[in-house]
Amino acid sequence: QVQLVESGGGLVQAGGSLRLSCAASGRIFGSYVMGWFRQAPGTEREFVAAIRWRAGTTYYADSVKGRFTASRDLAKSTVYLQMNSLKPEDTAVYYCAADPSGTSYPAVSSAYNYWGQGTQVTVSS
């Protein structure tokens, strides 16, 4: 069983930066894929980024490529999402997720077994 706790959300002006953290309790094995998703009011949850725990391979949605960076700290069992050049359309609740099986489809939310509670990110124009 893995529990995920996100932190780092908040209010920022357009063009600003935030770094989200997702601390995992329980053992994270090399096969895990850790994902970031977001959901704005009235919309479906959408993929943002993912990182493979062992290899560090990253994946990004086109909408955030070049602005967001996913990373992980193996010793702290923590993944991060560095968000730069934020836009009002980035406003959403951001969720961290974990997939123990190492999915080949990291952008698919149903691949993930464990989810955090979410953290609000609001970008003002």
Protein backbone atom coordinates (compact mmCIF):
# COMPACT_ATOMS: atom_id res chain seq x y z
CA GLN A 1 0.00 0.00 0.00
CA VAL A 2 1.30 3.42 -0.97
CA GLN A 3 0.05 6.74 0.32
CA LEU A 4 0.76 9.93 -1.59
CA VAL A 5 0.69 13.44 -0.17
CA GLU A 6 1.00 16.44 -2.45
CA SER A 7 2.15 19.88 -1.39
CA GLY A 8 3.36 23.11 -2.92
CA GLY A 9 0.23 24.42 -4.58
CA GLY A 10 -0.89 28.00 -4.26
CA LEU A 11 -1.70 31.25 -6.01
CA VAL A 12 0.77 32.68 -8.49
CA GLN A 13 0.70 35.30 -11.20
CA ALA A 14 0.95 34.36 -14.84
CA GLY A 15 4.56 33.84 -15.80
CA GLY A 16 5.47 32.70 -12.31
CA SER A 17 6.67 29.35 -11.00
CA LEU A 18 5.64 26.75 -8.48
CA ARG A 19 7.12 23.43 -7.44
CA LEU A 20 4.80 20.65 -6.40
CA SER A 21 5.99 17.80 -4.24
CA CYS A 22 4.52 14.34 -3.79
CA ALA A 23 5.80 12.38 -0.83
CA ALA A 24 5.19 8.65 -0.91
CA SER A 25 4.91 6.52 2.18
CA GLY A 26 5.47 2.84 1.73
CA ARG A 27 8.04 1.21 -0.46
CA ILE A 28 8.48 2.57 -3.98
CA PHE A 29 10.04 -0.08 -6.19
CA GLY A 30 11.96 0.42 -9.38
CA SER A 31 9.06 -0.60 -11.58
CA TYR A 32 6.85 2.24 -10.42
CA VAL A 33 5.67 5.02 -12.67
CA MET A 34 4.73 8.24 -10.91
CA GLY A 35 2.30 10.52 -12.67
CA TRP A 36 0.95 14.03 -12.37
CA PHE A 37 -2.58 14.80 -13.48
CA ARG A 38 -4.78 17.86 -13.14
CA GLN A 39 -8.44 18.64 -13.15
CA ALA A 40 -10.06 22.03 -13.61
CA PRO A 41 -13.71 22.60 -12.64
CA GLY A 42 -16.10 21.09 -15.15
CA THR A 43 -13.38 19.24 -17.04
CA GLU A 44 -12.00 15.73 -17.18
CA ARG A 45 -8.83 14.84 -15.32
CA GLU A 46 -5.93 15.21 -17.72
CA PHE A 47 -2.41 13.94 -17.89
CA VAL A 48 0.36 16.42 -17.15
CA ALA A 49 3.60 14.50 -16.69
CA ALA A 50 5.04 11.18 -15.55
CA ILE A 51 8.40 9.77 -14.54
CA ARG A 52 9.68 6.22 -14.30
CA TRP A 53 11.05 5.65 -10.83
CA ARG A 54 14.18 3.65 -11.70
CA ALA A 55 15.21 5.09 -15.04
CA GLY A 56 13.96 8.64 -14.55
CA THR A 57 12.42 8.67 -18.01
CA THR A 58 9.91 11.50 -18.26
CA TYR A 59 6.77 12.09 -20.29
CA TYR A 60 4.84 15.30 -20.78
CA ALA A 61 1.59 16.53 -22.17
CA ASP A 62 2.08 18.80 -25.17
CA SER A 63 0.47 21.65 -23.26
CA VAL A 64 3.23 21.70 -20.63
CA LYS A 65 6.25 20.53 -22.59
CA GLY A 66 9.13 22.93 -22.18
CA ARG A 67 7.54 24.59 -19.14
CA PHE A 68 7.11 21.77 -16.62
CA THR A 69 9.76 19.34 -15.39
CA ALA A 70 9.15 16.13 -13.45
CA SER A 71 11.89 14.75 -11.23
CA ARG A 72 12.31 12.36 -8.33
CA ASP A 73 14.42 11.96 -5.23
CA LEU A 74 14.97 8.26 -4.63
CA ALA A 75 16.21 8.72 -1.08
CA LYS A 76 13.20 10.77 -0.06
CA SER A 77 10.63 8.76 -2.03
CA THR A 78 9.40 12.05 -3.41
CA VAL A 79 8.53 13.24 -6.87
CA TYR A 80 8.44 16.84 -7.95
CA LEU A 81 6.78 18.89 -10.63
CA GLN A 82 8.58 22.13 -11.36
CA MET A 83 6.17 24.44 -13.16
CA ASN A 84 7.55 27.51 -14.91
CA SER A 85 5.97 30.13 -17.15
CA LEU A 86 2.60 29.37 -15.64
CA LYS A 87 -0.53 30.38 -17.52
CA PRO A 88 -4.09 30.95 -16.28
CA GLU A 89 -5.11 27.79 -18.14
CA ASP A 90 -2.82 25.80 -15.83
CA THR A 91 -5.25 26.51 -12.99
CA ALA A 92 -6.49 23.20 -11.62
CA VAL A 93 -6.23 20.72 -8.79
CA TYR A 94 -3.05 18.75 -9.35
CA TYR A 95 -2.89 15.10 -8.36
CA CYS A 96 0.02 12.77 -7.89
CA ALA A 97 -0.47 9.12 -8.81
CA ALA A 98 1.51 5.89 -8.61
CA ASP A 99 1.44 2.82 -10.80
CA PRO A 100 3.32 -0.20 -9.38
CA SER A 101 3.31 -2.14 -12.64
CA GLY A 102 5.29 0.26 -14.78
CA THR A 103 2.63 0.94 -17.33
CA SER A 104 3.47 1.41 -20.98
CA TYR A 105 0.78 4.09 -21.07
CA PRO A 106 1.79 6.66 -18.46
CA ALA A 107 -0.70 9.22 -19.77
CA VAL A 108 -3.68 7.00 -19.01
CA SER A 109 -5.18 7.70 -15.59
CA SER A 110 -6.70 4.24 -15.24
CA ALA A 111 -3.19 2.77 -15.18
CA TYR A 112 -2.58 4.24 -11.74
CA ASN A 113 -3.55 2.46 -8.54
CA TYR A 114 -2.75 5.11 -5.95
CA TRP A 115 -3.71 8.76 -5.86
CA GLY A 116 -2.99 11.70 -3.62
CA GLN A 117 -5.58 14.11 -2.32
CA GLY A 118 -4.64 16.87 -4.72
CA THR A 119 -3.28 20.37 -4.34
CA GLN A 120 -4.81 23.52 -5.80
CA VAL A 121 -2.83 25.61 -8.26
CA THR A 122 -4.32 28.97 -9.24
CA VAL A 123 -2.68 31.19 -11.83
CA SER A 124 -3.96 34.74 -12.03
CA SER A 125 -3.76 36.81 -15.21
